[in-house]
Amino acid sequence: MLYFIGLGLGDAADITVKGLELIKKCNRVYLEAYTSILTVGKEKLEEFYGKDVILADRDMVEQNSEEIFRDADKEDVAFLVVGDPFGATTHTDLILRARKEGLKYQVIHNASIMNAIGCCGLQLYSYGETISIVFWTDTWRPDSFYEKIAANKQRGMHTLCLLDIKVKEQSIENLMKGNKIFEPPRFMTVNQAASQLNEIIQKRREAGEDLAYTEDSICVGVARVGSQDQQVVSGTLKDLMEVDLGGPLHSLVIAGDMHPIELEMLREFAVDRTLFDKLLNDAR
């Protein structure tokens, strides 16, 4: 059997009882190590599971899945995913390939940022389409996700923004030369994402466009959701450009229409509570 096992969001102990029992009986255990990270390293997982863990990078998962599938028709193999196994398209594609190979598989679910983001106080049923924000470069500054934010805003929905992760990435120079030299890991922060979002609206303002959001729109930044040092901060987009939420991983939410209970929760995490006092008074 091939097991796709969600690890949750915090540390080694966030795995479900079922997931842990299955890992202990598996012959090989792979950890997908590029779409997300836990707050602990591979060594801590190995200590907790009592098993060796093999890191599965992008190349292995997307180009060399036969290594993961090897002998999975004869023995038990675990593929571990931070969050929930269906949190990334990559994992769905891997399951499709396993099905084509005729392999039996089982999915063990766990918490992911898609539901744990409820910790910020904005209700899960009021979220629209989720977007991803990537690191800009000097020559590549994509903003196609803006239209999705605009569509969510028009319907009064919140927008969850998943922030870029660069793990085992190569520079253009090393890629062209075929050098297996990798850049240090980078994880986008809330203030970096907020700054890019601000640049997008400044450009569209100069072009005379109607704006989906402004620097005064209410946003929420979260960091290390599910861990003991989880951080939540609410304020305007301008406020979030200045916050420091510490280490990865970070996510950002652009709020849509808000119920008074949502406003009360955001007030608890506010950079400036007077802002939410005024919004609450207006809502009542």
C-alpha atoms as a PDB file:
ATOM      1  CA  MET A   1       0.000   0.000   0.000  1.00  0.00           C
ATOM      2  CA  LEU A   2       1.101   3.572  -0.719  1.00  0.00           C
ATOM      3  CA  TYR A   3       0.069   5.923   2.084  1.00  0.00           C
ATOM      4  CA  PHE A   4      -0.295   9.687   1.608  1.00  0.00           C
ATOM      5  CA  ILE A   5      -0.117  11.022   5.164  1.00  0.00           C
ATOM      6  CA  GLY A   6      -0.772  14.600   6.272  1.00  0.00           C
ATOM      7  CA  LEU A   7       1.488  15.876   9.049  1.00  0.00           C
ATOM      8  CA  GLY A   8      -0.468  18.950  10.134  1.00  0.00           C
ATOM      9  CA  LEU A   9       1.150  22.345  10.569  1.00  0.00           C
ATOM     10  CA  GLY A  10       3.191  22.551  13.732  1.00  0.00           C
ATOM     11  CA  ASP A  11       5.718  19.916  14.752  1.00  0.00           C
ATOM     12  CA  ALA A  12       6.220  16.151  14.817  1.00  0.00           C
ATOM     13  CA  ALA A  13       3.414  15.594  17.341  1.00  0.00           C
ATOM     14  CA  ASP A  14       0.750  17.048  15.021  1.00  0.00           C
ATOM     15  CA  ILE A  15       0.442  13.809  13.067  1.00  0.00           C
ATOM     16  CA  THR A  16      -2.763  11.844  13.659  1.00  0.00           C
ATOM     17  CA  VAL A  17      -2.705   8.606  15.659  1.00  0.00           C
ATOM     18  CA  LYS A  18      -3.687   6.699  12.506  1.00  0.00           C
ATOM     19  CA  GLY A  19      -0.919   8.352  10.503  1.00  0.00           C
ATOM     20  CA  LEU A  20       1.712   7.541  13.122  1.00  0.00           C
ATOM     21  CA  GLU A  21       0.635   3.890  13.327  1.00  0.00           C
ATOM     22  CA  LEU A  22       0.917   3.548   9.553  1.00  0.00           C
ATOM     23  CA  ILE A  23       4.363   5.188   9.403  1.00  0.00           C
ATOM     24  CA  LYS A  24       5.673   2.755  11.998  1.00  0.00           C
ATOM     25  CA  LYS A  25       4.746  -0.218   9.818  1.00  0.00           C
ATOM     26  CA  CYS A  26       6.048   1.185   6.525  1.00  0.00           C
ATOM     27  CA  ASN A  27       9.198  -0.111   4.846  1.00  0.00           C
ATOM     28  CA  ARG A  28      10.123   3.311   3.423  1.00  0.00           C
ATOM     29  CA  VAL A  29       9.068   6.799   4.482  1.00  0.00           C
ATOM     30  CA  TYR A  30       9.386   9.845   2.189  1.00  0.00           C
ATOM     31  CA  LEU A  31       8.926  13.471   3.266  1.00  0.00           C
ATOM     32  CA  GLU A  32       7.862  15.929   0.578  1.00  0.00           C
ATOM     33  CA  ALA A  33      10.181  18.849   1.277  1.00  0.00           C
ATOM     34  CA  TYR A  34       9.426  21.726  -1.075  1.00  0.00           C
ATOM     35  CA  THR A  35       5.760  22.859  -1.000  1.00  0.00           C
ATOM     36  CA  SER A  36       5.777  23.554   2.754  1.00  0.00           C
ATOM     37  CA  ILE A  37       7.800  23.049   5.942  1.00  0.00           C
ATOM     38  CA  LEU A  38       7.227  22.134   9.577  1.00  0.00           C
ATOM     39  CA  THR A  39       8.817  24.022  12.464  1.00  0.00           C
ATOM     40  CA  VAL A  40      11.084  21.013  13.105  1.00  0.00           C
ATOM     41  CA  GLY A  41      13.617  19.265  10.898  1.00  0.00           C
ATOM     42  CA  LYS A  42      13.869  15.757   9.478  1.00  0.00           C
ATOM     43  CA  GLU A  43      15.908  14.548  12.468  1.00  0.00           C
ATOM     44  CA  LYS A  44      13.109  15.378  14.918  1.00  0.00           C
ATOM     45  CA  LEU A  45      10.613  13.499  12.749  1.00  0.00           C
ATOM     46  CA  GLU A  46      12.873  10.460  12.610  1.00  0.00           C
ATOM     47  CA  GLU A  47      13.255  10.518  16.378  1.00  0.00           C
ATOM     48  CA  PHE A  48       9.489  10.798  16.893  1.00  0.00           C
ATOM     49  CA  TYR A  49       8.559   8.131  14.326  1.00  0.00           C
ATOM     50  CA  GLY A  50      11.413   5.734  15.095  1.00  0.00           C
ATOM     51  CA  LYS A  51      11.996   5.540  11.326  1.00  0.00           C
ATOM     52  CA  ASP A  52      14.481   6.847   8.782  1.00  0.00           C
ATOM     53  CA  VAL A  53      12.921   9.560   6.623  1.00  0.00           C
ATOM     54  CA  ILE A  54      13.953  10.139   2.991  1.00  0.00           C
ATOM     55  CA  LEU A  55      13.649  13.732   1.732  1.00  0.00           C
ATOM     56  CA  ALA A  56      11.692  13.924  -1.534  1.00  0.00           C
ATOM     57  CA  ASP A  57      12.586  17.097  -3.419  1.00  0.00           C
ATOM     58  CA  ARG A  58      10.825  18.559  -6.442  1.00  0.00           C
ATOM     59  CA  ASP A  59      12.882  16.508  -8.912  1.00  0.00           C
ATOM     60  CA  MET A  60      12.042  13.229  -7.187  1.00  0.00           C
ATOM     61  CA  VAL A  61       8.328  13.947  -6.836  1.00  0.00           C
ATOM     62  CA  GLU A  62       7.725  15.458 -10.266  1.00  0.00           C
ATOM     63  CA  GLN A  63      10.332  13.707 -12.419  1.00  0.00           C
ATOM     64  CA  ASN A  64      11.331  10.515 -10.609  1.00  0.00           C
ATOM     65  CA  SER A  65       8.163   9.248  -8.932  1.00  0.00           C
ATOM     66  CA  GLU A  66       9.083   5.665  -9.825  1.00  0.00           C
ATOM     67  CA  GLU A  67      11.544   5.779  -6.915  1.00  0.00           C
ATOM     68  CA  ILE A  68       8.663   6.548  -4.528  1.00  0.00           C
ATOM     69  CA  PHE A  69       6.478   3.903  -6.159  1.00  0.00           C
ATOM     70  CA  ARG A  70       9.224   1.253  -6.113  1.00  0.00           C
ATOM     71  CA  ASP A  71       7.881  -2.029  -4.667  1.00  0.00           C
ATOM     72  CA  ALA A  72       4.757  -0.261  -3.348  1.00  0.00           C
ATOM     73  CA  ASP A  73       2.782  -3.189  -4.787  1.00  0.00           C
ATOM     74  CA  LYS A  74       4.684  -5.540  -2.441  1.00  0.00           C
ATOM     75  CA  GLU A  75       5.383  -3.444   0.676  1.00  0.00           C
ATOM     76  CA  ASP A  76       4.117  -0.387   2.551  1.00  0.00           C
ATOM     77  CA  VAL A  77       5.464   3.032   1.554  1.00  0.00           C
ATOM     78  CA  ALA A  78       4.578   6.352   3.205  1.00  0.00           C
ATOM     79  CA  PHE A  79       4.641   9.739   1.486  1.00  0.00           C
ATOM     80  CA  LEU A  80       4.454  12.488   4.118  1.00  0.00           C
ATOM     81  CA  VAL A  81       3.022  15.910   3.349  1.00  0.00           C
ATOM     82  CA  VAL A  82       3.082  18.984   5.589  1.00  0.00           C
ATOM     83  CA  GLY A  83      -0.530  20.030   6.147  1.00  0.00           C
ATOM     84  CA  ASP A  84      -3.003  17.863   4.224  1.00  0.00           C
ATOM     85  CA  PRO A  85      -2.090  15.576   1.297  1.00  0.00           C
ATOM     86  CA  PHE A  86      -4.465  17.439  -1.022  1.00  0.00           C
ATOM     87  CA  GLY A  87      -3.050  20.879  -0.174  1.00  0.00           C
ATOM     88  CA  ALA A  88      -1.056  21.077  -3.435  1.00  0.00           C
ATOM     89  CA  THR A  89      -1.792  20.076  -7.033  1.00  0.00           C
ATOM     90  CA  THR A  90       1.526  18.187  -7.088  1.00  0.00           C
ATOM     91  CA  HIS A  91       0.172  15.607  -4.669  1.00  0.00           C
ATOM     92  CA  THR A  92      -3.017  15.063  -6.663  1.00  0.00           C
ATOM     93  CA  ASP A  93      -0.853  14.479  -9.734  1.00  0.00           C
ATOM     94  CA  LEU A  94       1.204  11.926  -7.793  1.00  0.00           C
ATOM     95  CA  ILE A  95      -1.961  10.064  -6.812  1.00  0.00           C
ATOM     96  CA  LEU A  96      -3.094  10.024 -10.448  1.00  0.00           C
ATOM     97  CA  ARG A  97       0.256   8.511 -11.454  1.00  0.00           C
ATOM     98  CA  ALA A  98      -0.052   5.899  -8.694  1.00  0.00           C
ATOM     99  CA  ARG A  99      -3.511   4.962  -9.986  1.00  0.00           C
ATOM    100  CA  LYS A 100      -2.148   4.582 -13.522  1.00  0.00           C
ATOM    101  CA  GLU A 101       0.510   2.236 -12.121  1.00  0.00           C
ATOM    102  CA  GLY A 102      -2.266   0.184 -10.537  1.00  0.00           C
ATOM    103  CA  LEU A 103      -1.010   0.863  -7.012  1.00  0.00           C
ATOM    104  CA  LYS A 104      -3.311   0.722  -4.021  1.00  0.00           C
ATOM    105  CA  TYR A 105      -3.219   3.883  -1.929  1.00  0.00           C
ATOM    106  CA  GLN A 106      -4.801   5.427   1.145  1.00  0.00           C
ATOM    107  CA  VAL A 107      -4.978   9.088   2.195  1.00  0.00           C
ATOM    108  CA  ILE A 108      -4.702  10.159   5.846  1.00  0.00           C
ATOM    109  CA  HIS A 109      -5.918  13.739   6.207  1.00  0.00           C
ATOM    110  CA  ASN A 110      -4.733  16.427   8.609  1.00  0.00           C
ATOM    111  CA  ALA A 111      -5.062  20.162   9.278  1.00  0.00           C
ATOM    112  CA  SER A 112      -3.780  22.568   6.625  1.00  0.00           C
ATOM    113  CA  ILE A 113      -3.577  26.337   6.316  1.00  0.00           C
ATOM    114  CA  MET A 114      -6.796  26.139   4.264  1.00  0.00           C
ATOM    115  CA  ASN A 115      -8.818  25.421   7.408  1.00  0.00           C
ATOM    116  CA  ALA A 116      -6.446  26.499  10.193  1.00  0.00           C
ATOM    117  CA  ILE A 117      -6.558  30.077   8.863  1.00  0.00           C
ATOM    118  CA  GLY A 118      -9.835  30.264  10.807  1.00  0.00           C
ATOM    119  CA  CYS A 119      -7.603  31.074  13.810  1.00  0.00           C
ATOM    120  CA  CYS A 120      -7.460  34.700  12.664  1.00  0.00           C
ATOM    121  CA  GLY A 121     -11.191  35.133  13.282  1.00  0.00           C
ATOM    122  CA  LEU A 122     -12.483  35.413   9.714  1.00  0.00           C
ATOM    123  CA  GLN A 123     -15.090  32.724   9.067  1.00  0.00           C
ATOM    124  CA  LEU A 124     -14.062  29.919   6.723  1.00  0.00           C
ATOM    125  CA  TYR A 125     -17.319  29.925   4.749  1.00  0.00           C
ATOM    126  CA  SER A 126     -16.676  33.564   3.780  1.00  0.00           C
ATOM    127  CA  TYR A 127     -13.451  32.895   1.856  1.00  0.00           C
ATOM    128  CA  GLY A 128     -13.327  33.115  -1.908  1.00  0.00           C
ATOM    129  CA  GLU A 129     -10.653  31.782  -4.245  1.00  0.00           C
ATOM    130  CA  THR A 130      -7.193  31.335  -2.712  1.00  0.00           C
ATOM    131  CA  ILE A 131      -4.226  32.948  -4.467  1.00  0.00           C
ATOM    132  CA  SER A 132      -0.451  32.502  -4.414  1.00  0.00           C
ATOM    133  CA  ILE A 133       1.984  35.425  -4.286  1.00  0.00           C
ATOM    134  CA  VAL A 134       5.477  34.738  -5.618  1.00  0.00           C
ATOM    135  CA  PHE A 135       8.758  36.558  -5.136  1.00  0.00           C
ATOM    136  CA  TRP A 136       9.253  39.221  -7.785  1.00  0.00           C
ATOM    137  CA  THR A 137      12.499  39.619  -9.694  1.00  0.00           C
ATOM    138  CA  ASP A 138      13.858  42.575 -11.661  1.00  0.00           C
ATOM    139  CA  THR A 139      12.376  41.152 -14.866  1.00  0.00           C
ATOM    140  CA  TRP A 140       9.361  39.132 -13.640  1.00  0.00           C
ATOM    141  CA  ARG A 141       6.635  40.810 -11.584  1.00  0.00           C
ATOM    142  CA  PRO A 142       3.431  38.777 -12.049  1.00  0.00           C
ATOM    143  CA  ASP A 143       0.160  40.194 -10.750  1.00  0.00           C
ATOM    144  CA  SER A 144      -2.450  38.077 -12.559  1.00  0.00           C
ATOM    145  CA  PHE A 145      -3.900  37.079  -9.175  1.00  0.00           C
ATOM    146  CA  TYR A 146      -5.200  40.645  -8.777  1.00  0.00           C
ATOM    147  CA  GLU A 147      -8.308  39.759 -10.788  1.00  0.00           C
ATOM    148  CA  LYS A 148      -9.092  36.946  -8.342  1.00  0.00           C
ATOM    149  CA  ILE A 149      -8.797  39.348  -5.398  1.00  0.00           C
ATOM    150  CA  ALA A 150     -11.122  41.737  -7.248  1.00  0.00           C
ATOM    151  CA  ALA A 151     -13.668  38.963  -7.886  1.00  0.00           C
ATOM    152  CA  ASN A 152     -13.587  37.933  -4.219  1.00  0.00           C
ATOM    153  CA  LYS A 153     -13.982  41.542  -3.101  1.00  0.00           C
ATOM    154  CA  GLN A 154     -16.984  42.072  -5.390  1.00  0.00           C
ATOM    155  CA  ARG A 155     -18.710  39.161  -3.647  1.00  0.00           C
ATOM    156  CA  GLY A 156     -17.660  40.345  -0.184  1.00  0.00           C
ATOM    157  CA  MET A 157     -15.369  37.328   0.268  1.00  0.00           C
ATOM    158  CA  HIS A 158     -12.025  37.118   2.051  1.00  0.00           C
ATOM    159  CA  THR A 159      -8.879  36.205   0.080  1.00  0.00           C
ATOM    160  CA  LEU A 160      -6.284  33.842   1.518  1.00  0.00           C
ATOM    161  CA  CYS A 161      -2.855  34.589   0.046  1.00  0.00           C
ATOM    162  CA  LEU A 162      -0.322  31.745   0.162  1.00  0.00           C
ATOM    163  CA  LEU A 163       3.210  33.153   0.157  1.00  0.00           C
ATOM    164  CA  ASP A 164       6.144  31.934  -1.872  1.00  0.00           C
ATOM    165  CA  ILE A 165       8.631  29.302  -0.711  1.00  0.00           C
ATOM    166  CA  LYS A 166      11.973  28.864  -2.460  1.00  0.00           C
ATOM    167  CA  VAL A 167      13.655  25.599  -1.452  1.00  0.00           C
ATOM    168  CA  LYS A 168      16.472  23.958  -3.434  1.00  0.00           C
ATOM    169  CA  GLU A 169      16.162  26.550  -6.197  1.00  0.00           C
ATOM    170  CA  GLN A 170      18.937  27.290  -8.702  1.00  0.00           C
ATOM    171  CA  SER A 171      20.056  30.644 -10.064  1.00  0.00           C
ATOM    172  CA  ILE A 172      19.528  31.198 -13.805  1.00  0.00           C
ATOM    173  CA  GLU A 173      23.316  31.049 -14.281  1.00  0.00           C
ATOM    174  CA  ASN A 174      23.736  27.700 -12.517  1.00  0.00           C
ATOM    175  CA  LEU A 175      20.629  26.319 -14.233  1.00  0.00           C
ATOM    176  CA  MET A 176      22.001  27.216 -17.680  1.00  0.00           C
ATOM    177  CA  LYS A 177      25.409  25.766 -16.859  1.00  0.00           C
ATOM    178  CA  GLY A 178      23.918  22.581 -15.420  1.00  0.00           C
ATOM    179  CA  ASN A 179      25.570  23.184 -12.053  1.00  0.00           C
ATOM    180  CA  LYS A 180      23.840  21.427  -9.163  1.00  0.00           C
ATOM    181  CA  ILE A 181      24.364  24.462  -6.936  1.00  0.00           C
ATOM    182  CA  PHE A 182      21.320  25.652  -5.025  1.00  0.00           C
ATOM    183  CA  GLU A 183      20.356  28.997  -3.554  1.00  0.00           C
ATOM    184  CA  PRO A 184      19.717  29.345   0.201  1.00  0.00           C
ATOM    185  CA  PRO A 185      16.055  28.711   1.158  1.00  0.00           C
ATOM    186  CA  ARG A 186      13.803  31.790   1.097  1.00  0.00           C
ATOM    187  CA  PHE A 187      10.353  32.207   2.580  1.00  0.00           C
ATOM    188  CA  MET A 188       8.171  35.209   1.760  1.00  0.00           C
ATOM    189  CA  THR A 189       7.092  37.264   4.761  1.00  0.00           C
ATOM    190  CA  VAL A 190       3.829  39.094   5.350  1.00  0.00           C
ATOM    191  CA  ASN A 191       5.467  42.494   4.991  1.00  0.00           C
ATOM    192  CA  GLN A 192       7.094  41.479   1.682  1.00  0.00           C
ATOM    193  CA  ALA A 193       3.742  40.274   0.324  1.00  0.00           C
ATOM    194  CA  ALA A 194       1.988  43.425   1.553  1.00  0.00           C
ATOM    195  CA  SER A 195       4.613  45.599  -0.136  1.00  0.00           C
ATOM    196  CA  GLN A 196       4.117  43.795  -3.460  1.00  0.00           C
ATOM    197  CA  LEU A 197       0.334  44.091  -3.142  1.00  0.00           C
ATOM    198  CA  ASN A 198       0.767  47.804  -2.491  1.00  0.00           C
ATOM    199  CA  GLU A 199       2.939  48.236  -5.589  1.00  0.00           C
ATOM    200  CA  ILE A 200       0.251  46.582  -7.688  1.00  0.00           C
ATOM    201  CA  ILE A 201      -2.453  49.057  -6.631  1.00  0.00           C
ATOM    202  CA  GLN A 202      -0.137  52.049  -6.988  1.00  0.00           C
ATOM    203  CA  LYS A 203       0.517  51.038 -10.601  1.00  0.00           C
ATOM    204  CA  ARG A 204      -3.200  50.549 -11.273  1.00  0.00           C
ATOM    205  CA  ARG A 205      -4.073  53.827  -9.546  1.00  0.00           C
ATOM    206  CA  GLU A 206      -1.657  55.665 -11.846  1.00  0.00           C
ATOM    207  CA  ALA A 207      -3.402  53.992 -14.794  1.00  0.00           C
ATOM    208  CA  GLY A 208      -6.752  55.382 -13.567  1.00  0.00           C
ATOM    209  CA  GLU A 209      -8.267  52.001 -12.749  1.00  0.00           C
ATOM    210  CA  ASP A 210     -10.852  51.268 -10.066  1.00  0.00           C
ATOM    211  CA  LEU A 211      -9.109  49.435  -7.237  1.00  0.00           C
ATOM    212  CA  ALA A 212     -10.098  46.092  -5.690  1.00  0.00           C
ATOM    213  CA  TYR A 213      -8.386  47.128  -2.463  1.00  0.00           C
ATOM    214  CA  THR A 214      -6.283  50.027  -1.158  1.00  0.00           C
ATOM    215  CA  GLU A 215      -3.486  50.560   1.339  1.00  0.00           C
ATOM    216  CA  ASP A 216      -6.241  51.146   3.919  1.00  0.00           C
ATOM    217  CA  SER A 217      -7.990  47.800   3.320  1.00  0.00           C
ATOM    218  CA  ILE A 218      -8.192  45.462   6.325  1.00  0.00           C
ATOM    219  CA  CYS A 219      -5.747  42.559   6.163  1.00  0.00           C
ATOM    220  CA  VAL A 220      -4.489  39.853   8.503  1.00  0.00           C
ATOM    221  CA  GLY A 221      -1.011  38.393   8.685  1.00  0.00           C
ATOM    222  CA  VAL A 222      -0.323  34.998  10.261  1.00  0.00           C
ATOM    223  CA  ALA A 223       2.902  33.127  10.944  1.00  0.00           C
ATOM    224  CA  ARG A 224       3.714  29.573  12.027  1.00  0.00           C
ATOM    225  CA  VAL A 225       0.044  28.628  12.345  1.00  0.00           C
ATOM    226  CA  GLY A 226      -0.371  25.547  14.522  1.00  0.00           C
ATOM    227  CA  SER A 227       2.867  26.041  16.462  1.00  0.00           C
ATOM    228  CA  GLN A 228       3.254  27.272  20.021  1.00  0.00           C
ATOM    229  CA  ASP A 229       4.653  30.613  18.857  1.00  0.00           C
ATOM    230  CA  GLN A 230       1.904  31.217  16.293  1.00  0.00           C
ATOM    231  CA  GLN A 231       1.461  34.912  15.441  1.00  0.00           C
ATOM    232  CA  VAL A 232      -1.641  36.761  14.185  1.00  0.00           C
ATOM    233  CA  VAL A 233      -1.675  40.501  13.393  1.00  0.00           C
ATOM    234  CA  SER A 234      -4.517  42.527  11.886  1.00  0.00           C
ATOM    235  CA  GLY A 235      -4.551  46.048  10.482  1.00  0.00           C
ATOM    236  CA  THR A 236      -4.474  47.897   7.210  1.00  0.00           C
ATOM    237  CA  LEU A 237      -2.372  46.749   4.264  1.00  0.00           C
ATOM    238  CA  LYS A 238      -0.123  49.704   5.080  1.00  0.00           C
ATOM    239  CA  ASP A 239       0.257  48.442   8.673  1.00  0.00           C
ATOM    240  CA  LEU A 240       1.225  44.961   7.489  1.00  0.00           C
ATOM    241  CA  MET A 241       3.981  46.397   5.311  1.00  0.00           C
ATOM    242  CA  GLU A 242       5.789  47.234   8.556  1.00  0.00           C
ATOM    243  CA  VAL A 243       5.130  44.195  10.770  1.00  0.00           C
ATOM    244  CA  ASP A 244       7.730  41.587  11.667  1.00  0.00           C
ATOM    245  CA  LEU A 245       6.150  38.207  12.387  1.00  0.00           C
ATOM    246  CA  GLY A 246       9.410  36.324  12.707  1.00  0.00           C
ATOM    247  CA  GLY A 247      10.303  33.035  11.054  1.00  0.00           C
ATOM    248  CA  PRO A 248       8.349  31.080   8.397  1.00  0.00           C
ATOM    249  CA  LEU A 249       5.819  30.139   7.258  1.00  0.00           C
ATOM    250  CA  HIS A 250       3.674  33.252   6.707  1.00  0.00           C
ATOM    251  CA  SER A 251       0.258  33.768   5.068  1.00  0.00           C
ATOM    252  CA  LEU A 252      -1.832  36.884   4.478  1.00  0.00           C
ATOM    253  CA  VAL A 253      -5.573  37.462   4.246  1.00  0.00           C
ATOM    254  CA  ILE A 254      -7.292  40.382   2.504  1.00  0.00           C
ATOM    255  CA  ALA A 255     -10.603  40.785   4.302  1.00  0.00           C
ATOM    256  CA  GLY A 256     -13.930  41.110   2.483  1.00  0.00           C
ATOM    257  CA  ASP A 257     -17.201  42.071   4.161  1.00  0.00           C
ATOM    258  CA  MET A 258     -17.006  41.383   7.890  1.00  0.00           C
ATOM    259  CA  HIS A 259     -19.583  40.382  10.500  1.00  0.00           C
ATOM    260  CA  PRO A 260     -19.276  42.169  13.875  1.00  0.00           C
ATOM    261  CA  ILE A 261     -17.984  38.945  15.459  1.00  0.00           C
ATOM    262  CA  GLU A 262     -15.227  38.810  12.853  1.00  0.00           C
ATOM    263  CA  LEU A 263     -14.349  42.430  13.613  1.00  0.00           C
ATOM    264  CA  GLU A 264     -14.249  41.688  17.330  1.00  0.00           C
ATOM    265  CA  MET A 265     -11.816  38.842  16.742  1.00  0.00           C
ATOM    266  CA  LEU A 266      -9.604  40.952  14.483  1.00  0.00           C
ATOM    267  CA  ARG A 267      -9.586  43.666  17.141  1.00  0.00           C
ATOM    268  CA  GLU A 268      -7.871  41.198  19.496  1.00  0.00           C
ATOM    269  CA  PHE A 269      -4.922  40.968  17.089  1.00  0.00           C
ATOM    270  CA  ALA A 270      -4.887  44.592  15.934  1.00  0.00           C
ATOM    271  CA  VAL A 271      -1.887  46.840  15.390  1.00  0.00           C
ATOM    272  CA  ASP A 272      -4.288  49.685  16.275  1.00  0.00           C
ATOM    273  CA  ARG A 273      -7.466  48.722  18.151  1.00  0.00           C
ATOM    274  CA  THR A 274      -9.071  52.129  17.591  1.00  0.00           C
ATOM    275  CA  LEU A 275      -9.411  51.251  13.905  1.00  0.00           C
ATOM    276  CA  PHE A 276     -11.568  48.248  14.765  1.00  0.00           C
ATOM    277  CA  ASP A 277     -13.485  50.181  17.441  1.00  0.00           C
ATOM    278  CA  LYS A 278     -14.592  52.562  14.685  1.00  0.00           C
ATOM    279  CA  LEU A 279     -15.466  49.708  12.315  1.00  0.00           C
ATOM    280  CA  LEU A 280     -17.488  48.005  15.045  1.00  0.00           C
ATOM    281  CA  ASN A 281     -19.378  51.196  15.816  1.00  0.00           C
ATOM    282  CA  ASP A 282     -20.177  51.629  12.107  1.00  0.00           C
ATOM    283  CA  ALA A 283     -21.330  47.977  11.873  1.00  0.00           C
ATOM    284  CA  ARG A 284     -23.744  48.451  14.762  1.00  0.00           C
END
